[in-house]
N, C-alpha and C. Protein backbone atom coordinates (compact mmCIF):
# COMPACT_ATOMS: atom_id res chain seq x y z
N MET A 1 110.67 140.77 -48.42
CA MET A 1 110.30 142.13 -48.70
C MET A 1 110.68 143.01 -47.51
N PRO A 2 111.43 144.07 -47.72
CA PRO A 2 111.87 144.92 -46.60
C PRO A 2 110.71 145.60 -45.89
N ILE A 3 110.83 145.70 -44.57
CA ILE A 3 109.82 146.31 -43.71
C ILE A 3 110.29 147.70 -43.31
N SER A 4 109.48 148.72 -43.61
CA SER A 4 109.81 150.09 -43.22
C SER A 4 109.05 150.43 -41.94
N ILE A 5 109.75 151.07 -41.01
CA ILE A 5 109.22 151.29 -39.66
C ILE A 5 109.43 152.74 -39.24
N LEU A 6 108.44 153.28 -38.54
CA LEU A 6 108.54 154.60 -37.92
C LEU A 6 108.60 154.41 -36.42
N ILE A 7 109.62 155.01 -35.79
CA ILE A 7 109.75 154.98 -34.33
C ILE A 7 109.39 156.36 -33.81
N VAL A 8 108.36 156.43 -32.97
CA VAL A 8 107.92 157.71 -32.40
C VAL A 8 108.13 157.66 -30.89
N ASP A 9 109.13 158.40 -30.42
CA ASP A 9 109.45 158.43 -28.99
C ASP A 9 110.19 159.73 -28.71
N ASP A 10 109.87 160.39 -27.61
CA ASP A 10 110.51 161.66 -27.31
C ASP A 10 111.96 161.50 -26.84
N SER A 11 112.36 160.31 -26.48
CA SER A 11 113.73 160.07 -26.03
C SER A 11 114.61 159.60 -27.20
N ALA A 12 115.60 160.42 -27.54
CA ALA A 12 116.54 160.03 -28.60
C ALA A 12 117.26 158.74 -28.22
N THR A 13 117.54 158.57 -26.94
CA THR A 13 118.21 157.36 -26.47
C THR A 13 117.33 156.14 -26.73
N MET A 14 116.04 156.25 -26.43
CA MET A 14 115.13 155.12 -26.65
C MET A 14 114.95 154.85 -28.14
N ARG A 15 114.85 155.91 -28.95
CA ARG A 15 114.74 155.69 -30.41
C ARG A 15 115.97 154.95 -30.91
N GLY A 16 117.15 155.33 -30.43
CA GLY A 16 118.38 154.65 -30.83
C GLY A 16 118.39 153.20 -30.37
N PHE A 17 117.92 152.96 -29.15
CA PHE A 17 117.85 151.59 -28.62
C PHE A 17 116.92 150.73 -29.46
N ILE A 18 115.74 151.28 -29.78
CA ILE A 18 114.78 150.52 -30.58
C ILE A 18 115.36 150.23 -31.97
N LYS A 19 116.02 151.23 -32.56
CA LYS A 19 116.62 151.04 -33.88
C LYS A 19 117.69 149.94 -33.84
N ARG A 20 118.56 150.00 -32.84
CA ARG A 20 119.61 148.96 -32.71
C ARG A 20 118.99 147.59 -32.45
N THR A 21 117.93 147.57 -31.66
CA THR A 21 117.25 146.30 -31.37
C THR A 21 116.63 145.74 -32.64
N LEU A 22 116.00 146.59 -33.44
CA LEU A 22 115.46 146.14 -34.72
C LEU A 22 116.55 145.55 -35.61
N GLN A 23 117.69 146.19 -35.64
CA GLN A 23 118.80 145.72 -36.47
C GLN A 23 119.37 144.39 -35.97
N ALA A 24 119.11 144.06 -34.71
CA ALA A 24 119.58 142.79 -34.14
C ALA A 24 118.60 141.64 -34.38
N THR A 25 117.43 141.96 -34.95
CA THR A 25 116.43 140.92 -35.22
C THR A 25 116.66 140.34 -36.61
N GLN A 26 115.82 139.38 -36.96
CA GLN A 26 115.85 138.77 -38.29
C GLN A 26 114.87 139.45 -39.24
N ILE A 27 114.29 140.57 -38.83
CA ILE A 27 113.33 141.29 -39.67
C ILE A 27 114.08 141.89 -40.85
N PRO A 28 113.59 141.67 -42.07
CA PRO A 28 114.24 142.29 -43.24
C PRO A 28 113.88 143.79 -43.29
N LEU A 29 114.76 144.61 -42.75
CA LEU A 29 114.48 146.03 -42.60
C LEU A 29 114.66 146.82 -43.89
N GLY A 30 113.73 147.72 -44.09
CA GLY A 30 113.84 148.73 -45.14
C GLY A 30 114.27 150.02 -44.46
N GLU A 31 113.49 151.07 -44.65
CA GLU A 31 113.78 152.35 -44.01
C GLU A 31 113.30 152.35 -42.57
N ILE A 32 114.04 153.06 -41.73
CA ILE A 32 113.61 153.31 -40.35
C ILE A 32 113.59 154.82 -40.17
N TRP A 33 112.38 155.35 -39.93
CA TRP A 33 112.24 156.78 -39.70
C TRP A 33 112.02 157.02 -38.23
N GLU A 34 112.32 158.24 -37.79
CA GLU A 34 112.17 158.59 -36.38
C GLU A 34 111.40 159.89 -36.24
N ALA A 35 110.68 160.00 -35.12
CA ALA A 35 109.97 161.23 -34.76
C ALA A 35 110.00 161.36 -33.24
N SER A 36 110.08 162.60 -32.76
CA SER A 36 110.20 162.81 -31.32
C SER A 36 108.87 163.10 -30.62
N ASN A 37 107.79 163.14 -31.37
CA ASN A 37 106.46 163.30 -30.77
C ASN A 37 105.40 162.93 -31.81
N GLY A 38 104.15 162.92 -31.38
CA GLY A 38 103.08 162.52 -32.28
C GLY A 38 102.92 163.42 -33.49
N LYS A 39 103.13 164.71 -33.31
CA LYS A 39 103.00 165.65 -34.42
C LYS A 39 104.03 165.33 -35.50
N GLU A 40 105.29 165.15 -35.10
CA GLU A 40 106.33 164.78 -36.06
C GLU A 40 106.04 163.41 -36.67
N GLY A 41 105.48 162.51 -35.87
CA GLY A 41 105.13 161.18 -36.37
C GLY A 41 104.12 161.26 -37.50
N LEU A 42 103.08 162.07 -37.31
CA LEU A 42 102.07 162.24 -38.36
C LEU A 42 102.69 162.83 -39.62
N GLU A 43 103.59 163.79 -39.45
CA GLU A 43 104.28 164.38 -40.61
C GLU A 43 105.08 163.33 -41.35
N GLN A 44 105.80 162.47 -40.63
CA GLN A 44 106.59 161.40 -41.26
C GLN A 44 105.67 160.43 -42.01
N MET A 45 104.52 160.12 -41.41
CA MET A 45 103.58 159.19 -42.05
C MET A 45 103.07 159.73 -43.38
N LYS A 46 102.94 161.03 -43.48
CA LYS A 46 102.45 161.64 -44.72
C LYS A 46 103.55 161.77 -45.76
N LEU A 47 104.81 161.74 -45.33
CA LEU A 47 105.94 161.88 -46.25
C LEU A 47 106.45 160.55 -46.79
N HIS A 48 106.32 159.48 -46.00
CA HIS A 48 106.96 158.20 -46.33
C HIS A 48 105.98 157.04 -46.23
N TRP A 49 106.25 156.02 -47.03
CA TRP A 49 105.52 154.76 -46.90
C TRP A 49 106.14 153.99 -45.75
N MET A 50 105.31 153.43 -44.87
CA MET A 50 105.82 152.59 -43.80
C MET A 50 104.85 151.44 -43.57
N ASP A 51 105.40 150.37 -43.01
CA ASP A 51 104.61 149.17 -42.77
C ASP A 51 104.06 149.09 -41.36
N VAL A 52 104.76 149.72 -40.41
CA VAL A 52 104.34 149.66 -39.01
C VAL A 52 104.90 150.87 -38.27
N VAL A 53 104.16 151.30 -37.24
CA VAL A 53 104.58 152.41 -36.38
C VAL A 53 104.79 151.86 -34.98
N LEU A 54 105.95 152.17 -34.40
CA LEU A 54 106.24 151.84 -33.00
C LEU A 54 106.15 153.16 -32.24
N ALA A 55 105.21 153.28 -31.32
CA ALA A 55 104.95 154.57 -30.69
C ALA A 55 104.92 154.51 -29.17
N ASP A 56 105.61 155.47 -28.57
CA ASP A 56 105.50 155.70 -27.13
C ASP A 56 104.19 156.44 -26.90
N LEU A 57 103.76 156.53 -25.66
CA LEU A 57 102.52 157.24 -25.35
C LEU A 57 102.77 158.62 -24.75
N ASN A 58 103.69 158.71 -23.83
CA ASN A 58 103.90 159.95 -23.10
C ASN A 58 105.00 160.78 -23.75
N MET A 59 104.57 161.80 -24.53
CA MET A 59 105.50 162.67 -25.25
C MET A 59 104.97 164.09 -25.20
N PRO A 60 105.86 165.08 -25.32
CA PRO A 60 105.41 166.47 -25.35
C PRO A 60 104.81 166.82 -26.72
N ASP A 61 104.17 167.97 -26.79
CA ASP A 61 103.56 168.53 -28.00
C ASP A 61 102.34 167.74 -28.46
N MET A 62 102.51 166.47 -28.76
CA MET A 62 101.38 165.59 -29.09
C MET A 62 101.72 164.20 -28.58
N THR A 63 100.89 163.68 -27.70
CA THR A 63 101.14 162.36 -27.13
C THR A 63 100.89 161.26 -28.17
N GLY A 64 101.31 160.06 -27.83
CA GLY A 64 101.03 158.93 -28.69
C GLY A 64 99.54 158.66 -28.79
N VAL A 65 98.81 158.87 -27.71
CA VAL A 65 97.36 158.67 -27.72
C VAL A 65 96.71 159.64 -28.71
N GLU A 66 97.11 160.92 -28.66
CA GLU A 66 96.56 161.91 -29.58
C GLU A 66 96.92 161.57 -31.03
N MET A 67 98.14 161.11 -31.25
CA MET A 67 98.56 160.73 -32.60
C MET A 67 97.71 159.58 -33.12
N ILE A 68 97.48 158.58 -32.29
CA ILE A 68 96.69 157.41 -32.69
C ILE A 68 95.26 157.83 -32.98
N GLU A 69 94.71 158.72 -32.16
CA GLU A 69 93.34 159.20 -32.40
C GLU A 69 93.25 159.91 -33.75
N ARG A 70 94.25 160.72 -34.08
CA ARG A 70 94.24 161.40 -35.39
C ARG A 70 94.40 160.41 -36.53
N MET A 71 95.22 159.39 -36.32
CA MET A 71 95.40 158.37 -37.35
C MET A 71 94.07 157.68 -37.66
N THR A 72 93.28 157.39 -36.63
CA THR A 72 92.02 156.69 -36.85
C THR A 72 91.02 157.52 -37.65
N ARG A 73 91.17 158.84 -37.63
CA ARG A 73 90.26 159.72 -38.36
C ARG A 73 90.75 160.04 -39.77
N ASP A 74 91.95 159.58 -40.11
CA ASP A 74 92.53 159.85 -41.43
C ASP A 74 92.46 158.57 -42.26
N PRO A 75 91.67 158.56 -43.33
CA PRO A 75 91.51 157.34 -44.14
C PRO A 75 92.84 156.79 -44.68
N MET A 76 93.82 157.65 -44.89
CA MET A 76 95.11 157.19 -45.41
C MET A 76 95.97 156.52 -44.32
N LEU A 77 95.67 156.79 -43.06
CA LEU A 77 96.50 156.27 -41.97
C LEU A 77 95.78 155.26 -41.07
N ALA A 78 94.48 155.18 -41.20
CA ALA A 78 93.67 154.37 -40.28
C ALA A 78 94.07 152.89 -40.27
N ALA A 79 94.52 152.37 -41.39
CA ALA A 79 94.86 150.94 -41.47
C ALA A 79 96.32 150.65 -41.13
N LEU A 80 97.12 151.69 -40.91
CA LEU A 80 98.54 151.51 -40.61
C LEU A 80 98.69 150.88 -39.22
N PRO A 81 99.32 149.71 -39.12
CA PRO A 81 99.44 149.05 -37.81
C PRO A 81 100.31 149.85 -36.85
N VAL A 82 99.80 149.99 -35.61
CA VAL A 82 100.53 150.69 -34.55
C VAL A 82 100.81 149.70 -33.43
N VAL A 83 102.07 149.69 -32.98
CA VAL A 83 102.47 148.93 -31.80
C VAL A 83 102.91 149.96 -30.77
N VAL A 84 102.28 149.94 -29.61
CA VAL A 84 102.68 150.85 -28.54
C VAL A 84 103.87 150.24 -27.81
N VAL A 85 104.93 151.03 -27.68
CA VAL A 85 106.13 150.63 -26.95
C VAL A 85 106.26 151.64 -25.81
N SER A 86 105.86 151.23 -24.61
CA SER A 86 105.76 152.20 -23.52
C SER A 86 105.92 151.53 -22.17
N SER A 87 106.21 152.35 -21.18
CA SER A 87 106.22 151.85 -19.80
C SER A 87 104.84 152.02 -19.17
N GLU A 88 103.90 152.55 -19.94
CA GLU A 88 102.52 152.76 -19.47
C GLU A 88 101.90 151.44 -19.04
N GLY A 89 101.28 151.44 -17.88
CA GLY A 89 100.66 150.22 -17.39
C GLY A 89 99.20 150.37 -17.06
N ASP A 90 98.64 151.56 -17.27
CA ASP A 90 97.24 151.83 -16.94
C ASP A 90 96.35 151.01 -17.88
N GLN A 91 95.65 150.03 -17.32
CA GLN A 91 94.84 149.12 -18.12
C GLN A 91 93.71 149.83 -18.85
N ALA A 92 93.15 150.88 -18.26
CA ALA A 92 92.08 151.62 -18.93
C ALA A 92 92.61 152.30 -20.19
N VAL A 93 93.81 152.87 -20.11
CA VAL A 93 94.43 153.51 -21.28
C VAL A 93 94.71 152.47 -22.35
N LEU A 94 95.28 151.35 -21.95
CA LEU A 94 95.62 150.29 -22.91
C LEU A 94 94.36 149.72 -23.57
N HIS A 95 93.31 149.54 -22.80
CA HIS A 95 92.05 149.04 -23.35
C HIS A 95 91.47 150.03 -24.35
N SER A 96 91.51 151.31 -24.00
CA SER A 96 91.01 152.35 -24.89
C SER A 96 91.78 152.36 -26.20
N LEU A 97 93.10 152.19 -26.13
CA LEU A 97 93.92 152.17 -27.34
C LEU A 97 93.62 150.94 -28.20
N ALA A 98 93.37 149.82 -27.57
CA ALA A 98 93.02 148.61 -28.32
C ALA A 98 91.72 148.84 -29.09
N GLN A 99 90.78 149.56 -28.50
CA GLN A 99 89.53 149.86 -29.18
C GLN A 99 89.75 150.83 -30.34
N LYS A 100 90.82 151.61 -30.29
CA LYS A 100 91.14 152.55 -31.37
C LYS A 100 91.97 151.87 -32.47
N GLY A 101 92.26 150.59 -32.31
CA GLY A 101 92.95 149.86 -33.36
C GLY A 101 94.40 149.53 -33.10
N VAL A 102 94.93 149.88 -31.93
CA VAL A 102 96.32 149.51 -31.62
C VAL A 102 96.41 147.99 -31.62
N LYS A 103 97.37 147.47 -32.35
CA LYS A 103 97.45 146.02 -32.55
C LYS A 103 98.12 145.29 -31.40
N GLU A 104 99.18 145.87 -30.86
CA GLU A 104 99.96 145.20 -29.82
C GLU A 104 100.59 146.23 -28.88
N PHE A 105 100.98 145.75 -27.70
CA PHE A 105 101.67 146.58 -26.72
C PHE A 105 102.95 145.88 -26.31
N ILE A 106 104.03 146.63 -26.28
CA ILE A 106 105.30 146.12 -25.78
C ILE A 106 105.68 147.00 -24.59
N ARG A 107 105.90 146.36 -23.48
CA ARG A 107 106.24 147.09 -22.27
C ARG A 107 107.76 147.26 -22.18
N LYS A 108 108.19 148.50 -21.95
CA LYS A 108 109.62 148.78 -21.75
C LYS A 108 110.00 148.29 -20.36
N PRO A 109 111.17 147.70 -20.19
CA PRO A 109 112.15 147.30 -21.21
C PRO A 109 111.73 146.00 -21.89
N PHE A 110 112.34 145.72 -23.03
CA PHE A 110 111.97 144.53 -23.80
C PHE A 110 113.23 143.96 -24.47
N GLN A 111 113.08 142.75 -24.99
CA GLN A 111 114.16 142.06 -25.67
C GLN A 111 113.91 142.06 -27.18
N ALA A 112 114.97 141.88 -27.96
CA ALA A 112 114.88 141.86 -29.42
C ALA A 112 113.89 140.79 -29.91
N GLN A 113 113.92 139.64 -29.29
CA GLN A 113 113.04 138.54 -29.71
C GLN A 113 111.56 138.94 -29.59
N MET A 114 111.22 139.61 -28.48
CA MET A 114 109.83 140.04 -28.29
C MET A 114 109.44 141.06 -29.36
N LEU A 115 110.32 142.01 -29.65
CA LEU A 115 110.04 143.02 -30.67
C LEU A 115 109.82 142.36 -32.02
N GLN A 116 110.68 141.42 -32.38
CA GLN A 116 110.54 140.72 -33.65
C GLN A 116 109.22 139.96 -33.72
N GLU A 117 108.88 139.23 -32.68
CA GLU A 117 107.65 138.44 -32.68
C GLU A 117 106.41 139.32 -32.83
N VAL A 118 106.39 140.45 -32.11
CA VAL A 118 105.23 141.33 -32.17
C VAL A 118 105.10 141.96 -33.55
N ILE A 119 106.19 142.42 -34.12
CA ILE A 119 106.14 143.03 -35.46
C ILE A 119 105.69 142.01 -36.49
N GLU A 120 106.23 140.81 -36.44
CA GLU A 120 105.81 139.76 -37.38
C GLU A 120 104.33 139.44 -37.22
N LYS A 121 103.86 139.37 -35.99
CA LYS A 121 102.44 139.07 -35.73
C LYS A 121 101.55 140.18 -36.31
N VAL A 122 101.92 141.41 -36.08
CA VAL A 122 101.13 142.55 -36.57
C VAL A 122 101.11 142.59 -38.10
N LEU A 123 102.24 142.33 -38.73
CA LEU A 123 102.30 142.39 -40.18
C LEU A 123 101.51 141.25 -40.81
N VAL A 124 101.53 140.06 -40.22
CA VAL A 124 100.76 138.95 -40.74
C VAL A 124 99.27 139.25 -40.60
N ALA A 125 98.87 139.84 -39.47
CA ALA A 125 97.46 140.16 -39.23
C ALA A 125 96.94 141.24 -40.17
N SER A 126 97.84 142.12 -40.64
CA SER A 126 97.39 143.22 -41.49
C SER A 126 97.38 142.86 -42.98
N GLU A 127 97.81 141.66 -43.32
CA GLU A 127 97.83 141.25 -44.74
C GLU A 127 96.45 140.94 -45.24
């Protein structure tokens, strides 16, 4: 069954890298949507069905943290698995996000194998 993914990152270069990395995995990909900040990410979530969100934290207009907080308050989005893909290393921030329902964290830079394993783990856990 194809997996649809939303990539939320303010860097077009990083979104492209993540997309190419996804295409290099064995994940059966469906649609891949992109957003450059949390606000655009929320808009994409309301327009399209997706199986998982890959989100950076530090973005203009609306950060990944703010986007995740809004997702938790929206019954239609609260169960959507979020994987944080960030260079953020602040343990207090990461702990806070885990309490808000973030399933996994991937630290930039990363390899295709790690991305595939984390996405598969998150999707199995959400079934």
